[in-house]
N, C-alpha and C. Protein backbone atom coordinates (compact mmCIF):
# COMPACT_ATOMS: atom_id res chain seq x y z
N UNK A 1 -46.96 110.40 68.54
CA UNK A 1 -45.53 110.47 68.73
C UNK A 1 -45.24 111.53 69.79
N UNK A 2 -44.47 111.14 70.79
CA UNK A 2 -44.08 112.07 71.84
C UNK A 2 -42.77 112.75 71.46
N UNK A 3 -42.72 114.03 71.65
CA UNK A 3 -41.50 114.76 71.35
C UNK A 3 -40.56 114.72 72.54
N UNK A 4 -39.27 114.75 72.23
CA UNK A 4 -38.20 114.80 73.23
C UNK A 4 -38.26 113.64 74.22
N UNK A 5 -38.58 112.45 73.74
CA UNK A 5 -38.50 111.25 74.55
C UNK A 5 -37.71 110.21 73.78
N UNK A 6 -36.99 109.38 74.51
CA UNK A 6 -36.19 108.32 73.88
C UNK A 6 -37.13 107.30 73.23
N UNK A 7 -36.73 106.81 72.08
CA UNK A 7 -37.56 105.86 71.35
C UNK A 7 -37.04 104.43 71.47
N UNK A 8 -37.35 103.63 70.47
CA UNK A 8 -37.02 102.20 70.52
C UNK A 8 -35.53 101.92 70.64
N UNK A 9 -34.72 102.82 70.16
CA UNK A 9 -33.27 102.59 70.16
C UNK A 9 -32.72 102.47 71.59
N UNK A 10 -33.43 103.01 72.57
CA UNK A 10 -32.98 102.93 73.96
C UNK A 10 -33.70 101.84 74.75
N UNK A 11 -34.69 101.21 74.15
CA UNK A 11 -35.50 100.24 74.89
C UNK A 11 -35.14 98.78 74.60
N UNK A 12 -34.33 98.53 73.60
CA UNK A 12 -34.02 97.16 73.21
C UNK A 12 -32.51 96.95 73.13
N UNK A 13 -32.09 95.70 73.24
CA UNK A 13 -30.67 95.36 73.13
C UNK A 13 -30.18 95.37 71.70
N UNK A 14 -31.09 95.16 70.76
CA UNK A 14 -30.70 95.13 69.36
C UNK A 14 -31.84 95.64 68.49
N UNK A 15 -31.47 96.31 67.42
CA UNK A 15 -32.41 96.75 66.40
C UNK A 15 -32.06 96.00 65.13
N UNK A 16 -33.04 95.42 64.50
CA UNK A 16 -32.79 94.61 63.31
C UNK A 16 -33.69 95.10 62.18
N UNK A 17 -33.08 95.44 61.06
CA UNK A 17 -33.84 95.79 59.86
C UNK A 17 -33.79 94.60 58.92
N UNK A 18 -34.95 94.13 58.54
CA UNK A 18 -35.05 92.97 57.64
C UNK A 18 -35.36 93.46 56.23
N UNK A 19 -35.03 92.63 55.26
CA UNK A 19 -35.31 92.90 53.85
C UNK A 19 -34.62 94.19 53.38
N UNK A 20 -33.40 94.45 53.83
CA UNK A 20 -32.73 95.70 53.46
C UNK A 20 -32.45 95.80 51.97
N UNK A 21 -32.50 94.68 51.25
CA UNK A 21 -32.29 94.76 49.81
C UNK A 21 -33.41 95.55 49.12
N UNK A 22 -34.53 95.75 49.82
CA UNK A 22 -35.65 96.51 49.26
C UNK A 22 -35.77 97.91 49.87
N UNK A 23 -34.92 98.24 50.82
CA UNK A 23 -35.03 99.50 51.56
C UNK A 23 -34.56 100.69 50.73
N UNK A 24 -35.43 101.70 50.64
CA UNK A 24 -35.09 102.94 49.95
C UNK A 24 -35.14 104.07 50.96
N UNK A 25 -34.12 104.91 50.96
CA UNK A 25 -34.05 106.02 51.90
C UNK A 25 -34.31 107.33 51.17
N UNK A 26 -35.15 108.17 51.76
CA UNK A 26 -35.47 109.44 51.13
C UNK A 26 -34.32 110.44 51.27
N UNK A 27 -33.84 110.63 52.48
CA UNK A 27 -32.72 111.55 52.75
C UNK A 27 -31.49 110.71 53.04
N UNK A 28 -30.96 110.04 52.02
CA UNK A 28 -29.88 109.08 52.18
C UNK A 28 -28.69 109.60 52.98
N UNK A 29 -28.14 110.73 52.59
CA UNK A 29 -26.96 111.27 53.25
C UNK A 29 -27.18 111.57 54.71
N UNK A 30 -28.32 112.15 55.02
CA UNK A 30 -28.62 112.50 56.40
C UNK A 30 -28.80 111.25 57.27
N UNK A 31 -29.51 110.28 56.75
CA UNK A 31 -29.76 109.05 57.50
C UNK A 31 -28.48 108.26 57.68
N UNK A 32 -27.68 108.15 56.63
CA UNK A 32 -26.42 107.42 56.71
C UNK A 32 -25.48 108.10 57.70
N UNK A 33 -25.41 109.42 57.69
CA UNK A 33 -24.58 110.15 58.64
C UNK A 33 -24.99 109.87 60.08
N UNK A 34 -26.29 109.89 60.35
CA UNK A 34 -26.78 109.60 61.69
C UNK A 34 -26.48 108.16 62.09
N UNK A 35 -26.64 107.25 61.16
CA UNK A 35 -26.36 105.84 61.43
C UNK A 35 -24.88 105.61 61.72
N UNK A 36 -24.02 106.27 60.97
CA UNK A 36 -22.57 106.16 61.22
C UNK A 36 -22.23 106.65 62.63
N UNK A 37 -22.79 107.79 63.02
CA UNK A 37 -22.54 108.33 64.35
C UNK A 37 -23.01 107.39 65.44
N UNK A 38 -24.20 106.81 65.24
CA UNK A 38 -24.72 105.88 66.24
C UNK A 38 -23.84 104.63 66.33
N UNK A 39 -23.47 104.07 65.18
CA UNK A 39 -22.67 102.85 65.20
C UNK A 39 -21.27 103.08 65.77
N UNK A 40 -20.77 104.27 65.63
CA UNK A 40 -19.43 104.57 66.14
C UNK A 40 -19.43 104.83 67.65
N UNK A 41 -20.39 105.62 68.12
CA UNK A 41 -20.33 106.02 69.52
C UNK A 41 -21.59 105.81 70.33
N UNK A 42 -22.64 105.27 69.72
CA UNK A 42 -23.88 105.04 70.45
C UNK A 42 -24.71 106.28 70.70
N UNK A 43 -24.35 107.38 70.03
CA UNK A 43 -25.07 108.63 70.22
C UNK A 43 -26.06 108.85 69.08
N UNK A 44 -27.19 109.45 69.41
CA UNK A 44 -28.16 109.78 68.38
C UNK A 44 -28.79 111.13 68.67
N UNK A 45 -29.27 111.77 67.61
CA UNK A 45 -29.98 113.05 67.71
C UNK A 45 -31.16 112.98 66.75
N UNK A 46 -32.33 113.29 67.30
CA UNK A 46 -33.54 113.30 66.49
C UNK A 46 -34.37 114.51 66.88
N UNK A 47 -34.59 115.40 65.94
CA UNK A 47 -35.42 116.58 66.15
C UNK A 47 -35.05 117.33 67.43
N UNK A 48 -33.77 117.56 67.64
CA UNK A 48 -33.31 118.31 68.80
C UNK A 48 -33.14 117.50 70.07
N UNK A 49 -33.53 116.24 70.05
CA UNK A 49 -33.36 115.38 71.22
C UNK A 49 -32.09 114.54 71.02
N UNK A 50 -31.21 114.52 72.02
CA UNK A 50 -29.98 113.74 71.95
C UNK A 50 -30.02 112.67 73.02
N UNK A 51 -29.43 111.52 72.71
CA UNK A 51 -29.39 110.44 73.67
C UNK A 51 -28.30 109.45 73.34
N UNK A 52 -28.17 108.45 74.18
CA UNK A 52 -27.19 107.38 74.00
C UNK A 52 -27.88 106.04 74.09
N UNK A 53 -27.31 105.07 73.43
CA UNK A 53 -27.82 103.70 73.49
C UNK A 53 -26.68 102.75 73.21
N UNK A 54 -26.75 101.59 73.81
CA UNK A 54 -25.77 100.54 73.53
C UNK A 54 -26.38 99.41 72.71
N UNK A 55 -27.50 99.68 72.09
CA UNK A 55 -28.17 98.66 71.29
C UNK A 55 -27.30 98.26 70.10
N UNK A 56 -27.32 96.98 69.81
CA UNK A 56 -26.67 96.49 68.60
C UNK A 56 -27.55 96.80 67.40
N UNK A 57 -26.98 96.71 66.23
CA UNK A 57 -27.73 97.03 65.01
C UNK A 57 -27.38 95.99 63.96
N UNK A 58 -28.39 95.36 63.39
CA UNK A 58 -28.15 94.32 62.38
C UNK A 58 -29.01 94.58 61.16
N UNK A 59 -28.48 94.24 60.01
CA UNK A 59 -29.20 94.33 58.74
C UNK A 59 -29.34 92.92 58.19
N UNK A 60 -30.54 92.56 57.78
CA UNK A 60 -30.79 91.25 57.18
C UNK A 60 -31.24 91.47 55.74
N UNK A 61 -30.72 90.64 54.84
CA UNK A 61 -31.08 90.79 53.43
C UNK A 61 -31.18 89.42 52.77
N UNK A 62 -32.03 89.33 51.79
CA UNK A 62 -32.11 88.13 50.95
C UNK A 62 -31.27 88.39 49.71
N UNK A 63 -30.21 87.65 49.58
CA UNK A 63 -29.27 87.81 48.47
C UNK A 63 -29.36 86.57 47.61
N UNK A 64 -29.58 86.73 46.30
CA UNK A 64 -29.68 85.55 45.43
C UNK A 64 -28.37 84.75 45.44
N UNK A 65 -28.50 83.46 45.67
CA UNK A 65 -27.36 82.55 45.74
C UNK A 65 -27.54 81.46 44.70
N UNK A 66 -26.47 81.16 43.96
CA UNK A 66 -26.50 80.11 42.96
C UNK A 66 -26.39 78.73 43.59
N UNK A 67 -26.52 77.68 42.78
CA UNK A 67 -26.47 76.31 43.30
C UNK A 67 -25.12 75.95 43.92
N UNK A 68 -24.08 76.71 43.60
CA UNK A 68 -22.75 76.45 44.16
C UNK A 68 -22.45 77.38 45.34
N UNK A 69 -23.50 77.99 45.91
CA UNK A 69 -23.40 78.87 47.08
C UNK A 69 -22.64 80.17 46.83
N UNK A 70 -22.56 80.61 45.59
CA UNK A 70 -21.94 81.90 45.26
C UNK A 70 -23.05 82.91 44.96
N UNK A 71 -22.85 84.17 45.35
CA UNK A 71 -23.88 85.19 45.10
C UNK A 71 -24.06 85.48 43.62
N UNK A 72 -25.30 85.75 43.24
CA UNK A 72 -25.63 86.06 41.86
C UNK A 72 -26.03 87.51 41.70
N UNK A 73 -25.71 88.09 40.54
CA UNK A 73 -26.21 89.41 40.18
C UNK A 73 -27.49 89.19 39.37
N UNK A 74 -28.18 90.28 39.04
CA UNK A 74 -29.33 90.13 38.16
C UNK A 74 -28.84 89.60 36.81
N UNK A 75 -29.61 88.80 36.17
CA UNK A 75 -29.21 88.20 34.91
C UNK A 75 -28.47 86.88 35.10
N UNK A 76 -28.30 86.46 36.36
CA UNK A 76 -27.69 85.16 36.62
C UNK A 76 -26.18 85.13 36.63
N UNK A 77 -25.51 86.28 36.43
CA UNK A 77 -24.04 86.31 36.49
C UNK A 77 -23.59 86.28 37.94
N UNK A 78 -22.38 85.78 38.16
CA UNK A 78 -21.83 85.79 39.51
C UNK A 78 -21.43 87.20 39.90
N UNK A 79 -21.62 87.54 41.15
CA UNK A 79 -21.27 88.86 41.64
C UNK A 79 -20.70 88.75 43.03
N UNK A 80 -21.01 89.73 43.87
CA UNK A 80 -20.60 89.68 45.26
C UNK A 80 -21.84 89.86 46.13
N UNK A 81 -21.69 89.64 47.40
CA UNK A 81 -22.84 89.72 48.31
C UNK A 81 -23.50 91.09 48.31
N UNK A 82 -22.77 92.13 48.01
CA UNK A 82 -23.31 93.48 48.10
C UNK A 82 -24.07 93.91 46.85
N UNK A 83 -23.95 93.20 45.75
CA UNK A 83 -24.60 93.59 44.50
C UNK A 83 -26.12 93.71 44.63
N UNK A 84 -26.74 92.89 45.46
CA UNK A 84 -28.20 92.90 45.60
C UNK A 84 -28.68 93.96 46.58
N UNK A 85 -27.77 94.61 47.26
CA UNK A 85 -28.15 95.59 48.28
C UNK A 85 -28.35 96.97 47.66
N UNK A 86 -29.07 97.85 48.35
CA UNK A 86 -29.26 99.21 47.84
C UNK A 86 -27.92 99.92 47.67
N UNK A 87 -27.91 100.92 46.81
CA UNK A 87 -26.68 101.64 46.49
C UNK A 87 -25.99 102.20 47.74
N UNK A 88 -26.77 102.65 48.72
CA UNK A 88 -26.17 103.23 49.92
C UNK A 88 -25.39 102.21 50.73
N UNK A 89 -25.54 100.92 50.42
CA UNK A 89 -24.77 99.87 51.09
C UNK A 89 -23.67 99.27 50.23
N UNK A 90 -23.56 99.70 48.98
CA UNK A 90 -22.45 99.17 48.17
C UNK A 90 -21.81 100.20 47.26
N UNK A 91 -22.29 101.43 47.26
CA UNK A 91 -21.68 102.47 46.45
C UNK A 91 -20.38 102.97 47.06
N UNK A 92 -19.73 103.92 46.40
CA UNK A 92 -18.43 104.40 46.87
C UNK A 92 -18.47 105.06 48.25
N UNK A 93 -19.61 105.59 48.65
CA UNK A 93 -19.72 106.23 49.96
C UNK A 93 -20.09 105.26 51.07
N UNK A 94 -20.28 103.99 50.74
CA UNK A 94 -20.73 103.00 51.73
C UNK A 94 -19.61 102.47 52.62
N UNK A 95 -18.36 102.65 52.20
CA UNK A 95 -17.25 102.05 52.93
C UNK A 95 -17.21 102.46 54.39
N UNK A 96 -17.35 103.73 54.68
CA UNK A 96 -17.26 104.17 56.08
C UNK A 96 -18.43 103.66 56.91
N UNK A 97 -19.58 103.46 56.29
CA UNK A 97 -20.71 102.86 57.00
C UNK A 97 -20.43 101.38 57.25
N UNK A 98 -20.03 100.65 56.22
CA UNK A 98 -19.80 99.22 56.36
C UNK A 98 -18.66 98.90 57.31
N UNK A 99 -17.70 99.80 57.43
CA UNK A 99 -16.60 99.60 58.38
C UNK A 99 -17.08 99.52 59.82
N UNK A 100 -18.25 100.04 60.09
CA UNK A 100 -18.77 100.05 61.45
C UNK A 100 -19.55 98.79 61.80
N UNK A 101 -19.79 97.93 60.82
CA UNK A 101 -20.43 96.64 61.08
C UNK A 101 -19.34 95.61 61.35
N UNK A 102 -19.67 94.58 62.11
CA UNK A 102 -18.65 93.63 62.55
C UNK A 102 -18.53 92.39 61.69
N UNK A 103 -19.38 92.20 60.73
CA UNK A 103 -19.23 91.01 59.91
C UNK A 103 -20.38 90.79 58.96
N UNK A 104 -20.17 89.82 58.10
CA UNK A 104 -21.15 89.38 57.13
C UNK A 104 -21.29 87.88 57.31
N UNK A 105 -22.51 87.42 57.53
CA UNK A 105 -22.73 86.00 57.72
C UNK A 105 -23.59 85.49 56.58
N UNK A 106 -23.00 84.82 55.62
CA UNK A 106 -23.79 84.32 54.48
C UNK A 106 -24.65 83.12 54.87
N UNK A 107 -25.82 83.07 54.29
CA UNK A 107 -26.74 81.93 54.41
C UNK A 107 -27.12 81.61 55.84
N UNK A 108 -27.27 82.62 56.65
CA UNK A 108 -27.63 82.41 58.05
C UNK A 108 -28.97 81.68 58.17
N UNK A 109 -29.96 82.10 57.39
CA UNK A 109 -31.27 81.47 57.48
C UNK A 109 -31.22 79.99 57.20
N UNK A 110 -30.49 79.58 56.19
CA UNK A 110 -30.38 78.18 55.84
C UNK A 110 -29.67 77.41 56.94
N UNK A 111 -28.55 77.94 57.42
CA UNK A 111 -27.79 77.26 58.46
C UNK A 111 -28.59 77.18 59.76
N UNK A 112 -29.25 78.27 60.11
CA UNK A 112 -30.02 78.29 61.36
C UNK A 112 -31.18 77.31 61.29
N UNK A 113 -31.86 77.24 60.16
CA UNK A 113 -32.98 76.32 60.04
C UNK A 113 -32.53 74.87 60.10
N UNK A 114 -31.39 74.55 59.56
CA UNK A 114 -30.89 73.17 59.62
C UNK A 114 -30.50 72.80 61.04
N UNK A 115 -30.05 73.79 61.83
CA UNK A 115 -29.57 73.52 63.18
C UNK A 115 -30.70 73.41 64.19
N UNK A 116 -31.87 73.99 63.90
CA UNK A 116 -32.98 73.98 64.84
C UNK A 116 -33.90 72.78 64.60
N UNK A 117 -34.45 72.21 65.66
CA UNK A 117 -35.47 71.18 65.48
C UNK A 117 -36.67 71.78 64.76
N UNK A 118 -37.41 70.98 64.02
CA UNK A 118 -38.50 71.50 63.19
C UNK A 118 -39.54 72.26 64.01
N UNK A 119 -39.79 71.88 65.26
CA UNK A 119 -40.77 72.61 66.06
C UNK A 119 -40.32 74.03 66.36
N UNK A 120 -39.01 74.27 66.51
CA UNK A 120 -38.50 75.63 66.77
C UNK A 120 -38.52 76.47 65.50
N UNK A 121 -38.32 75.85 64.32
CA UNK A 121 -38.35 76.59 63.06
C UNK A 121 -39.72 77.22 62.82
N UNK A 122 -40.76 76.59 63.34
CA UNK A 122 -42.11 77.08 63.11
C UNK A 122 -42.55 78.08 64.18
N UNK A 123 -41.62 78.50 65.04
CA UNK A 123 -41.94 79.54 66.01
C UNK A 123 -42.34 79.04 67.38
N UNK A 124 -42.46 77.73 67.57
CA UNK A 124 -42.81 77.24 68.89
C UNK A 124 -41.53 76.91 69.67
N UNK A 125 -41.63 76.87 70.95
CA UNK A 125 -40.47 76.62 71.80
C UNK A 125 -40.19 75.14 71.98
N UNK A 126 -41.14 74.25 71.62
CA UNK A 126 -41.10 72.80 71.82
C UNK A 126 -39.80 72.22 71.75
């Protein structure tokens, strides 16, 4: 790891975290604060290094869905899309973080797979 150099956040157009329903943060408050700052103004600070980026940020999660396309909680009861997410994404302090995201797209994987030809679903360009 190189110190005082820009990392992946400055090298890509978008950063995507997958499987966020399983993500656990050690220093929740500190990480959420940094994420809020980045999402609001594109600024970041890591170990004394400050920088800017215009990268987009997306979170992907697998949320249990019932046969009628409504989200399920554990135990099979109906809930909301956020019930399956970690507490830092649905607890009382999550509102200011979630306000910085631009939307929620339910069932993207299912819709995207139906829209793509089978050769593209398997990773080939065919």
